[in-house]
């Protein structure tokens, strides 16, 4: 089994096309969906909002499963842009953890 993660608008009209595209593009069977109204705006904005934190936490749960958590997959795909996004998400999650401690 193989997985990937997508952050997307909550608009249900795009869910199946996104899933199908990612399955075809990366050859994965399953797509974890992190949905939020205005997800791109929330992530792109400079403000540290609860919405942004929520999205990042959900991505972290999915990535944990993909890279070594309960699903422990070797078939983990990242494009160059995906690596860049993962680095940003990782930095932001580290900042959130530091705030909590």
PDB file of N, CA and C in Angstrom:
ATOM      1  N   UNK A   1       0.830  -1.178   0.000  1.00  0.00           N
ATOM      2  CA  UNK A   1       0.000   0.000   0.000  1.00  0.00           C
ATOM      3  C   UNK A   1       0.875   1.241   0.000  1.00  0.00           C
ATOM      4  N   UNK A   2       0.366   2.285  -0.645  1.00  0.00           N
ATOM      5  CA  UNK A   2       1.096   3.540  -0.674  1.00  0.00           C
ATOM      6  C   UNK A   2       0.141   4.700  -0.426  1.00  0.00           C
ATOM      7  N   UNK A   3       0.689   5.750   0.160  1.00  0.00           N
ATOM      8  CA  UNK A   3      -0.101   6.900   0.574  1.00  0.00           C
ATOM      9  C   UNK A   3       0.564   8.192   0.129  1.00  0.00           C
ATOM     10  N   UNK A   4      -0.239   9.254   0.078  1.00  0.00           N
ATOM     11  CA  UNK A   4       0.277  10.610  -0.026  1.00  0.00           C
ATOM     12  C   UNK A   4      -0.686  11.514   0.725  1.00  0.00           C
ATOM     13  N   UNK A   5      -0.333  12.767   0.885  1.00  0.00           N
ATOM     14  CA  UNK A   5      -1.144  13.717   1.633  1.00  0.00           C
ATOM     15  C   UNK A   5      -1.442  14.920   0.760  1.00  0.00           C
ATOM     16  N   UNK A   6      -2.681  15.397   0.805  1.00  0.00           N
ATOM     17  CA  UNK A   6      -3.079  16.598   0.077  1.00  0.00           C
ATOM     18  C   UNK A   6      -3.731  17.579   1.035  1.00  0.00           C
ATOM     19  N   UNK A   7      -3.342  18.846   0.924  1.00  0.00           N
ATOM     20  CA  UNK A   7      -4.005  19.921   1.646  1.00  0.00           C
ATOM     21  C   UNK A   7      -4.875  20.619   0.622  1.00  0.00           C
ATOM     22  N   UNK A   8      -6.162  20.727   0.928  1.00  0.00           N
ATOM     23  CA  UNK A   8      -7.097  21.191  -0.072  1.00  0.00           C
ATOM     24  C   UNK A   8      -8.226  21.985   0.570  1.00  0.00           C
ATOM     25  N   UNK A   9      -8.919  22.736  -0.268  1.00  0.00           N
ATOM     26  CA  UNK A   9     -10.122  23.432   0.164  1.00  0.00           C
ATOM     27  C   UNK A   9     -11.171  22.387   0.556  1.00  0.00           C
ATOM     28  N   UNK A  10     -12.056  22.772   1.426  1.00  0.00           N
ATOM     29  CA  UNK A  10     -13.081  21.849   1.902  1.00  0.00           C
ATOM     30  C   UNK A  10     -14.143  21.559   0.843  1.00  0.00           C
ATOM     31  N   UNK A  11     -14.134  22.285  -0.243  1.00  0.00           N
ATOM     32  CA  UNK A  11     -15.113  22.136  -1.325  1.00  0.00           C
ATOM     33  C   UNK A  11     -15.103  20.704  -1.865  1.00  0.00           C
ATOM     34  N   UNK A  12     -16.163  19.973  -1.611  1.00  0.00           N
ATOM     35  CA  UNK A  12     -16.248  18.574  -1.989  1.00  0.00           C
ATOM     36  C   UNK A  12     -16.181  18.304  -3.479  1.00  0.00           C
ATOM     37  N   UNK A  13     -16.437  19.323  -4.307  1.00  0.00           N
ATOM     38  CA  UNK A  13     -16.398  19.119  -5.756  1.00  0.00           C
ATOM     39  C   UNK A  13     -15.004  18.781  -6.261  1.00  0.00           C
ATOM     40  N   UNK A  14     -13.988  19.147  -5.513  1.00  0.00           N
ATOM     41  CA  UNK A  14     -12.622  18.907  -5.994  1.00  0.00           C
ATOM     42  C   UNK A  14     -11.974  17.676  -5.390  1.00  0.00           C
ATOM     43  N   UNK A  15     -12.602  17.073  -4.407  1.00  0.00           N
ATOM     44  CA  UNK A  15     -11.964  15.951  -3.702  1.00  0.00           C
ATOM     45  C   UNK A  15     -11.631  14.774  -4.630  1.00  0.00           C
ATOM     46  N   UNK A  16     -12.608  14.271  -5.355  1.00  0.00           N
ATOM     47  CA  UNK A  16     -12.346  13.110  -6.223  1.00  0.00           C
ATOM     48  C   UNK A  16     -11.344  13.419  -7.330  1.00  0.00           C
ATOM     49  N   UNK A  17     -11.451  14.568  -8.018  1.00  0.00           N
ATOM     50  CA  UNK A  17     -10.426  14.865  -9.030  1.00  0.00           C
ATOM     51  C   UNK A  17      -9.013  14.949  -8.435  1.00  0.00           C
ATOM     52  N   UNK A  18      -8.887  15.523  -7.245  1.00  0.00           N
ATOM     53  CA  UNK A  18      -7.573  15.613  -6.596  1.00  0.00           C
ATOM     54  C   UNK A  18      -7.063  14.219  -6.257  1.00  0.00           C
ATOM     55  N   UNK A  19      -7.918  13.398  -5.674  1.00  0.00           N
ATOM     56  CA  UNK A  19      -7.526  12.026  -5.325  1.00  0.00           C
ATOM     57  C   UNK A  19      -7.083  11.270  -6.572  1.00  0.00           C
ATOM     58  N   UNK A  20      -7.882  11.332  -7.607  1.00  0.00           N
ATOM     59  CA  UNK A  20      -7.541  10.604  -8.850  1.00  0.00           C
ATOM     60  C   UNK A  20      -6.234  11.096  -9.455  1.00  0.00           C
ATOM     61  N   UNK A  21      -6.061  12.428  -9.463  1.00  0.00           N
ATOM     62  CA  UNK A  21      -4.825  12.986 -10.013  1.00  0.00           C
ATOM     63  C   UNK A  21      -3.613  12.489  -9.233  1.00  0.00           C
ATOM     64  N   UNK A  22      -3.670  12.560  -7.918  1.00  0.00           N
ATOM     65  CA  UNK A  22      -2.533  12.143  -7.099  1.00  0.00           C
ATOM     66  C   UNK A  22      -2.266  10.643  -7.221  1.00  0.00           C
ATOM     67  N   UNK A  23      -3.324   9.860  -7.296  1.00  0.00           N
ATOM     68  CA  UNK A  23      -3.146   8.419  -7.486  1.00  0.00           C
ATOM     69  C   UNK A  23      -2.429   8.145  -8.806  1.00  0.00           C
ATOM     70  N   UNK A  24      -2.848   8.845  -9.837  1.00  0.00           N
ATOM     71  CA  UNK A  24      -2.233   8.647 -11.154  1.00  0.00           C
ATOM     72  C   UNK A  24      -0.813   9.209 -11.199  1.00  0.00           C
ATOM     73  N   UNK A  25      -0.644  10.406 -10.678  1.00  0.00           N
ATOM     74  CA  UNK A  25       0.655  11.107 -10.761  1.00  0.00           C
ATOM     75  C   UNK A  25       1.738  10.379  -9.969  1.00  0.00           C
ATOM     76  N   UNK A  26       1.393   9.879  -8.788  1.00  0.00           N
ATOM     77  CA  UNK A  26       2.391   9.270  -7.911  1.00  0.00           C
ATOM     78  C   UNK A  26       2.238   7.773  -7.747  1.00  0.00           C
ATOM     79  N   UNK A  27       1.238   7.189  -8.361  1.00  0.00           N
ATOM     80  CA  UNK A  27       1.050   5.748  -8.275  1.00  0.00           C
ATOM     81  C   UNK A  27       0.688   5.271  -6.885  1.00  0.00           C
ATOM     82  N   UNK A  28       0.006   6.110  -6.120  1.00  0.00           N
ATOM     83  CA  UNK A  28      -0.391   5.734  -4.758  1.00  0.00           C
ATOM     84  C   UNK A  28      -1.807   5.182  -4.775  1.00  0.00           C
ATOM     85  N   UNK A  29      -2.131   4.394  -3.762  1.00  0.00           N
ATOM     86  CA  UNK A  29      -3.474   3.859  -3.635  1.00  0.00           C
ATOM     87  C   UNK A  29      -4.372   4.762  -2.798  1.00  0.00           C
ATOM     88  N   UNK A  30      -3.796   5.389  -1.773  1.00  0.00           N
ATOM     89  CA  UNK A  30      -4.594   6.140  -0.809  1.00  0.00           C
ATOM     90  C   UNK A  30      -4.086   7.568  -0.674  1.00  0.00           C
ATOM     91  N   UNK A  31      -5.029   8.496  -0.505  1.00  0.00           N
ATOM     92  CA  UNK A  31      -4.696   9.906  -0.336  1.00  0.00           C
ATOM     93  C   UNK A  31      -5.309  10.392   0.970  1.00  0.00           C
ATOM     94  N   UNK A  32      -4.452  10.812   1.891  1.00  0.00           N
ATOM     95  CA  UNK A  32      -4.933  11.465   3.105  1.00  0.00           C
ATOM     96  C   UNK A  32      -5.315  12.891   2.729  1.00  0.00           C
ATOM     97  N   UNK A  33      -6.509  13.305   3.101  1.00  0.00           N
ATOM     98  CA  UNK A  33      -6.965  14.658   2.783  1.00  0.00           C
ATOM     99  C   UNK A  33      -7.025  15.509   4.047  1.00  0.00           C
ATOM    100  N   UNK A  34      -6.370  16.654   3.978  1.00  0.00           N
ATOM    101  CA  UNK A  34      -6.475  17.671   5.014  1.00  0.00           C
ATOM    102  C   UNK A  34      -7.276  18.787   4.368  1.00  0.00           C
ATOM    103  N   UNK A  35      -8.512  18.965   4.807  1.00  0.00           N
ATOM    104  CA  UNK A  35      -9.371  19.965   4.176  1.00  0.00           C
ATOM    105  C   UNK A  35      -9.710  21.083   5.147  1.00  0.00           C
ATOM    106  N   UNK A  36      -9.834  22.267   4.594  1.00  0.00           N
ATOM    107  CA  UNK A  36     -10.115  23.463   5.384  1.00  0.00           C
ATOM    108  C   UNK A  36     -10.630  24.534   4.433  1.00  0.00           C
ATOM    109  N   UNK A  37     -11.644  25.285   4.809  1.00  0.00           N
ATOM    110  CA  UNK A  37     -12.050  26.398   3.959  1.00  0.00           C
ATOM    111  C   UNK A  37     -10.891  27.391   3.827  1.00  0.00           C
ATOM    112  N   UNK A  38     -10.524  27.718   2.615  1.00  0.00           N
ATOM    113  CA  UNK A  38      -9.436  28.674   2.391  1.00  0.00           C
ATOM    114  C   UNK A  38      -8.086  28.183   2.866  1.00  0.00           C
ATOM    115  N   UNK A  39      -7.795  26.912   2.684  1.00  0.00           N
ATOM    116  CA  UNK A  39      -6.549  26.320   3.192  1.00  0.00           C
ATOM    117  C   UNK A  39      -5.305  27.029   2.659  1.00  0.00           C
ATOM    118  N   UNK A  40      -5.286  27.316   1.377  1.00  0.00           N
ATOM    119  CA  UNK A  40      -4.106  27.962   0.786  1.00  0.00           C
ATOM    120  C   UNK A  40      -3.903  29.345   1.398  1.00  0.00           C
ATOM    121  N   UNK A  41      -4.986  30.104   1.510  1.00  0.00           N
ATOM    122  CA  UNK A  41      -4.889  31.441   2.113  1.00  0.00           C
ATOM    123  C   UNK A  41      -4.373  31.343   3.547  1.00  0.00           C
ATOM    124  N   UNK A  42      -4.876  30.368   4.287  1.00  0.00           N
ATOM    125  CA  UNK A  42      -4.456  30.209   5.678  1.00  0.00           C
ATOM    126  C   UNK A  42      -2.978  29.872   5.794  1.00  0.00           C
ATOM    127  N   UNK A  43      -2.490  29.001   4.932  1.00  0.00           N
ATOM    128  CA  UNK A  43      -1.081  28.610   4.983  1.00  0.00           C
ATOM    129  C   UNK A  43      -0.164  29.689   4.437  1.00  0.00           C
ATOM    130  N   UNK A  44      -0.629  30.419   3.429  1.00  0.00           N
ATOM    131  CA  UNK A  44       0.208  31.425   2.785  1.00  0.00           C
ATOM    132  C   UNK A  44       0.279  32.716   3.585  1.00  0.00           C
ATOM    133  N   UNK A  45      -0.706  32.957   4.413  1.00  0.00           N
ATOM    134  CA  UNK A  45      -0.744  34.205   5.173  1.00  0.00           C
ATOM    135  C   UNK A  45       0.363  34.278   6.206  1.00  0.00           C
ATOM    136  N   UNK A  46       0.810  35.498   6.496  1.00  0.00           N
ATOM    137  CA  UNK A  46       1.907  35.660   7.455  1.00  0.00           C
ATOM    138  C   UNK A  46       1.478  35.426   8.904  1.00  0.00           C
ATOM    139  N   UNK A  47       0.208  35.575   9.174  1.00  0.00           N
ATOM    140  CA  UNK A  47      -0.259  35.452  10.555  1.00  0.00           C
ATOM    141  C   UNK A  47      -0.217  34.001  11.024  1.00  0.00           C
ATOM    142  N   UNK A  48       0.139  33.837  12.286  1.00  0.00           N
ATOM    143  CA  UNK A  48       0.116  32.521  12.917  1.00  0.00           C
ATOM    144  C   UNK A  48      -1.255  32.358  13.545  1.00  0.00           C
ATOM    145  N   UNK A  49      -2.138  31.682  12.835  1.00  0.00           N
ATOM    146  CA  UNK A  49      -3.516  31.551  13.301  1.00  0.00           C
ATOM    147  C   UNK A  49      -3.781  30.135  13.790  1.00  0.00           C
ATOM    148  N   UNK A  50      -4.862  29.964  14.519  1.00  0.00           N
ATOM    149  CA  UNK A  50      -5.252  28.625  14.961  1.00  0.00           C
ATOM    150  C   UNK A  50      -5.573  27.745  13.764  1.00  0.00           C
ATOM    151  N   UNK A  51      -6.124  28.334  12.702  1.00  0.00           N
ATOM    152  CA  UNK A  51      -6.421  27.560  11.492  1.00  0.00           C
ATOM    153  C   UNK A  51      -5.132  27.005  10.896  1.00  0.00           C
ATOM    154  N   UNK A  52      -4.111  27.841  10.795  1.00  0.00           N
ATOM    155  CA  UNK A  52      -2.829  27.388  10.258  1.00  0.00           C
ATOM    156  C   UNK A  52      -2.248  26.281  11.138  1.00  0.00           C
ATOM    157  N   UNK A  53      -2.307  26.461  12.428  1.00  0.00           N
ATOM    158  CA  UNK A  53      -1.798  25.443  13.355  1.00  0.00           C
ATOM    159  C   UNK A  53      -2.549  24.131  13.188  1.00  0.00           C
ATOM    160  N   UNK A  54      -3.860  24.226  13.033  1.00  0.00           N
ATOM    161  CA  UNK A  54      -4.683  23.032  12.866  1.00  0.00           C
ATOM    162  C   UNK A  54      -4.302  22.273  11.595  1.00  0.00           C
ATOM    163  N   UNK A  55      -4.138  22.994  10.506  1.00  0.00           N
ATOM    164  CA  UNK A  55      -3.738  22.357   9.243  1.00  0.00           C
ATOM    165  C   UNK A  55      -2.383  21.672   9.412  1.00  0.00           C
ATOM    166  N   UNK A  56      -1.436  22.373  10.008  1.00  0.00           N
ATOM    167  CA  UNK A  56      -0.090  21.818  10.180  1.00  0.00           C
ATOM    168  C   UNK A  56      -0.103  20.582  11.077  1.00  0.00           C
ATOM    169  N   UNK A  57      -0.918  20.602  12.123  1.00  0.00           N
ATOM    170  CA  UNK A  57      -1.016  19.426  13.001  1.00  0.00           C
ATOM    171  C   UNK A  57      -1.563  18.226  12.231  1.00  0.00           C
ATOM    172  N   UNK A  58      -2.586  18.466  11.399  1.00  0.00           N
ATOM    173  CA  UNK A  58      -3.175  17.364  10.633  1.00  0.00           C
ATOM    174  C   UNK A  58      -2.206  16.835   9.577  1.00  0.00           C
ATOM    175  N   UNK A  59      -1.443  17.723   8.954  1.00  0.00           N
ATOM    176  CA  UNK A  59      -0.415  17.271   8.004  1.00  0.00           C
ATOM    177  C   UNK A  59       0.627  16.444   8.747  1.00  0.00           C
ATOM    178  N   UNK A  60       1.006  16.880   9.933  1.00  0.00           N
ATOM    179  CA  UNK A  60       2.002  16.142  10.716  1.00  0.00           C
ATOM    180  C   UNK A  60       1.516  14.740  11.047  1.00  0.00           C
ATOM    181  N   UNK A  61       0.246  14.602  11.399  1.00  0.00           N
ATOM    182  CA  UNK A  61      -0.312  13.278  11.695  1.00  0.00           C
ATOM    183  C   UNK A  61      -0.215  12.393  10.458  1.00  0.00           C
ATOM    184  N   UNK A  62      -0.575  12.937   9.306  1.00  0.00           N
ATOM    185  CA  UNK A  62      -0.518  12.161   8.071  1.00  0.00           C
ATOM    186  C   UNK A  62       0.919  11.795   7.722  1.00  0.00           C
ATOM    187  N   UNK A  63       1.826  12.760   7.806  1.00  0.00           N
ATOM    188  CA  UNK A  63       3.231  12.491   7.464  1.00  0.00           C
ATOM    189  C   UNK A  63       3.856  11.507   8.427  1.00  0.00           C
ATOM    190  N   UNK A  64       3.479  11.579   9.695  1.00  0.00           N
ATOM    191  CA  UNK A  64       3.984  10.610  10.666  1.00  0.00           C
ATOM    192  C   UNK A  64       3.587   9.205  10.249  1.00  0.00           C
ATOM    193  N   UNK A  65       2.365   9.058   9.817  1.00  0.00           N
ATOM    194  CA  UNK A  65       1.908   7.757   9.336  1.00  0.00           C
ATOM    195  C   UNK A  65       2.640   7.325   8.083  1.00  0.00           C
ATOM    196  N   UNK A  66       2.949   8.297   7.221  1.00  0.00           N
ATOM    197  CA  UNK A  66       3.609   7.968   5.960  1.00  0.00           C
ATOM    198  C   UNK A  66       5.082   7.629   6.143  1.00  0.00           C
ATOM    199  N   UNK A  67       5.731   8.266   7.106  1.00  0.00           N
ATOM    200  CA  UNK A  67       7.179   8.133   7.209  1.00  0.00           C
ATOM    201  C   UNK A  67       7.658   7.263   8.350  1.00  0.00           C
ATOM    202  N   UNK A  68       6.775   6.755   9.179  1.00  0.00           N
ATOM    203  CA  UNK A  68       7.279   5.901  10.239  1.00  0.00           C
ATOM    204  C   UNK A  68       6.322   5.648  11.370  1.00  0.00           C
ATOM    205  N   UNK A  69       5.151   6.182  11.282  1.00  0.00           N
ATOM    206  CA  UNK A  69       4.161   5.959  12.325  1.00  0.00           C
ATOM    207  C   UNK A  69       3.451   4.644  12.098  1.00  0.00           C
ATOM    208  N   UNK A  70       2.183   4.639  12.327  1.00  0.00           N
ATOM    209  CA  UNK A  70       1.415   3.394  12.287  1.00  0.00           C
ATOM    210  C   UNK A  70       1.403   2.731  10.914  1.00  0.00           C
ATOM    211  N   UNK A  71       1.566   3.507   9.843  1.00  0.00           N
ATOM    212  CA  UNK A  71       1.526   2.901   8.511  1.00  0.00           C
ATOM    213  C   UNK A  71       2.912   2.598   7.960  1.00  0.00           C
ATOM    214  N   UNK A  72       3.936   3.214   8.511  1.00  0.00           N
ATOM    215  CA  UNK A  72       5.343   2.956   8.161  1.00  0.00           C
ATOM    216  C   UNK A  72       5.552   2.564   6.700  1.00  0.00           C
ATOM    217  N   UNK A  73       5.507   3.506   5.825  1.00  0.00           N
ATOM    218  CA  UNK A  73       5.623   3.250   4.388  1.00  0.00           C
ATOM    219  C   UNK A  73       6.992   3.608   3.855  1.00  0.00           C
ATOM    220  N   UNK A  74       7.536   2.773   3.008  1.00  0.00           N
ATOM    221  CA  UNK A  74       8.754   3.111   2.284  1.00  0.00           C
ATOM    222  C   UNK A  74       8.411   3.855   0.996  1.00  0.00           C
ATOM    223  N   UNK A  75       7.214   3.627   0.494  1.00  0.00           N
ATOM    224  CA  UNK A  75       6.810   4.221  -0.772  1.00  0.00           C
ATOM    225  C   UNK A  75       6.214   5.610  -0.543  1.00  0.00           C
ATOM    226  N   UNK A  76       7.076   6.515  -0.128  1.00  0.00           N
ATOM    227  CA  UNK A  76       6.707   7.881   0.215  1.00  0.00           C
ATOM    228  C   UNK A  76       7.268   8.799  -0.853  1.00  0.00           C
ATOM    229  N   UNK A  77       6.403   9.544  -1.536  1.00  0.00           N
ATOM    230  CA  UNK A  77       6.817  10.341  -2.680  1.00  0.00           C
ATOM    231  C   UNK A  77       6.783  11.825  -2.355  1.00  0.00           C
ATOM    232  N   UNK A  78       7.836  12.540  -2.737  1.00  0.00           N
ATOM    233  CA  UNK A  78       7.862  13.986  -2.610  1.00  0.00           C
ATOM    234  C   UNK A  78       8.454  14.587  -3.876  1.00  0.00           C
ATOM    235  N   UNK A  79       7.754  15.547  -4.430  1.00  0.00           N
ATOM    236  CA  UNK A  79       8.324  16.315  -5.530  1.00  0.00           C
ATOM    237  C   UNK A  79       9.293  17.321  -4.922  1.00  0.00           C
ATOM    238  N   UNK A  80      10.039  18.039  -5.757  1.00  0.00           N
ATOM    239  CA  UNK A  80      10.925  19.084  -5.235  1.00  0.00           C
ATOM    240  C   UNK A  80      10.125  20.122  -4.459  1.00  0.00           C
ATOM    241  N   UNK A  81       8.976  20.517  -5.023  1.00  0.00           N
ATOM    242  CA  UNK A  81       8.120  21.474  -4.326  1.00  0.00           C
ATOM    243  C   UNK A  81       7.607  20.855  -3.025  1.00  0.00           C
ATOM    244  N   UNK A  82       7.296  19.572  -3.056  1.00  0.00           N
ATOM    245  CA  UNK A  82       6.837  18.891  -1.852  1.00  0.00           C
ATOM    246  C   UNK A  82       7.894  18.895  -0.760  1.00  0.00           C
ATOM    247  N   UNK A  83       9.147  18.713  -1.135  1.00  0.00           N
ATOM    248  CA  UNK A  83      10.237  18.762  -0.149  1.00  0.00           C
ATOM    249  C   UNK A  83      10.335  20.152   0.474  1.00  0.00           C
ATOM    250  N   UNK A  84      10.185  21.162  -0.377  1.00  0.00           N
ATOM    251  CA  UNK A  84      10.231  22.537   0.105  1.00  0.00           C
ATOM    252  C   UNK A  84       9.085  22.796   1.086  1.00  0.00           C
ATOM    253  N   UNK A  85       7.894  22.353   0.732  1.00  0.00           N
ATOM    254  CA  UNK A  85       6.736  22.527   1.608  1.00  0.00           C
ATOM    255  C   UNK A  85       6.942  21.754   2.902  1.00  0.00           C
ATOM    256  N   UNK A  86       7.452  20.528   2.822  1.00  0.00           N
ATOM    257  CA  UNK A  86       7.694  19.724   4.013  1.00  0.00           C
ATOM    258  C   UNK A  86       8.690  20.412   4.943  1.00  0.00           C
ATOM    259  N   UNK A  87       9.721  21.042   4.387  1.00  0.00           N
ATOM    260  CA  UNK A  87      10.684  21.770   5.211  1.00  0.00           C
ATOM    261  C   UNK A  87      10.014  22.938   5.926  1.00  0.00           C
ATOM    262  N   UNK A  88       9.162  23.669   5.214  1.00  0.00           N
ATOM    263  CA  UNK A  88       8.450  24.792   5.819  1.00  0.00           C
ATOM    264  C   UNK A  88       7.521  24.291   6.920  1.00  0.00           C
ATOM    265  N   UNK A  89       6.760  23.242   6.618  1.00  0.00           N
ATOM    266  CA  UNK A  89       5.848  22.666   7.607  1.00  0.00           C
ATOM    267  C   UNK A  89       6.634  22.194   8.822  1.00  0.00           C
ATOM    268  N   UNK A  90       7.760  21.547   8.588  1.00  0.00           N
ATOM    269  CA  UNK A  90       8.596  21.074   9.692  1.00  0.00           C
ATOM    270  C   UNK A  90       9.065  22.209  10.587  1.00  0.00           C
ATOM    271  N   UNK A  91       9.513  23.308   9.980  1.00  0.00           N
ATOM    272  CA  UNK A  91       9.948  24.473  10.768  1.00  0.00           C
ATOM    273  C   UNK A  91       8.789  25.053  11.574  1.00  0.00           C
ATOM    274  N   UNK A  92       7.628  25.163  10.929  1.00  0.00           N
ATOM    275  CA  UNK A  92       6.471  25.729  11.622  1.00  0.00           C
ATOM    276  C   UNK A  92       6.004  24.826  12.746  1.00  0.00           C
ATOM    277  N   UNK A  93       6.042  23.512  12.540  1.00  0.00           N
ATOM    278  CA  UNK A  93       5.665  22.587  13.613  1.00  0.00           C
ATOM    279  C   UNK A  93       6.654  22.687  14.778  1.00  0.00           C
ATOM    280  N   UNK A  94       7.941  22.824  14.473  1.00  0.00           N
ATOM    281  CA  UNK A  94       8.944  22.965  15.526  1.00  0.00           C
ATOM    282  C   UNK A  94       8.693  24.236  16.336  1.00  0.00           C
ATOM    283  N   UNK A  95       8.319  25.314  15.657  1.00  0.00           N
ATOM    284  CA  UNK A  95       8.001  26.563  16.356  1.00  0.00           C
ATOM    285  C   UNK A  95       6.781  26.388  17.255  1.00  0.00           C
ATOM    286  N   UNK A  96       5.758  25.677  16.749  1.00  0.00           N
ATOM    287  CA  UNK A  96       4.562  25.443  17.555  1.00  0.00           C
ATOM    288  C   UNK A  96       4.888  24.612  18.786  1.00  0.00           C
ATOM    289  N   UNK A  97       5.716  23.585  18.619  1.00  0.00           N
ATOM    290  CA  UNK A  97       6.092  22.739  19.754  1.00  0.00           C
ATOM    291  C   UNK A  97       6.861  23.545  20.799  1.00  0.00           C
ATOM    292  N   UNK A  98       7.747  24.437  20.330  1.00  0.00           N
ATOM    293  CA  UNK A  98       8.526  25.263  21.250  1.00  0.00           C
ATOM    294  C   UNK A  98       7.621  26.193  22.055  1.00  0.00           C
ATOM    295  N   UNK A  99       6.573  26.716  21.413  1.00  0.00           N
ATOM    296  CA  UNK A  99       5.624  27.586  22.100  1.00  0.00           C
ATOM    297  C   UNK A  99       4.872  26.847  23.195  1.00  0.00           C
ATOM    298  N   UNK A 100       4.537  25.592  22.929  1.00  0.00           N
ATOM    299  CA  UNK A 100       3.748  24.799  23.876  1.00  0.00           C
ATOM    300  C   UNK A 100       4.571  24.425  25.091  1.00  0.00           C
ATOM    301  N   UNK A 101       5.852  24.216  24.905  1.00  0.00           N
ATOM    302  CA  UNK A 101       6.712  23.762  26.022  1.00  0.00           C
ATOM    303  C   UNK A 101       7.132  24.863  26.916  1.00  0.00           C
TER     304      UNK A 101
END
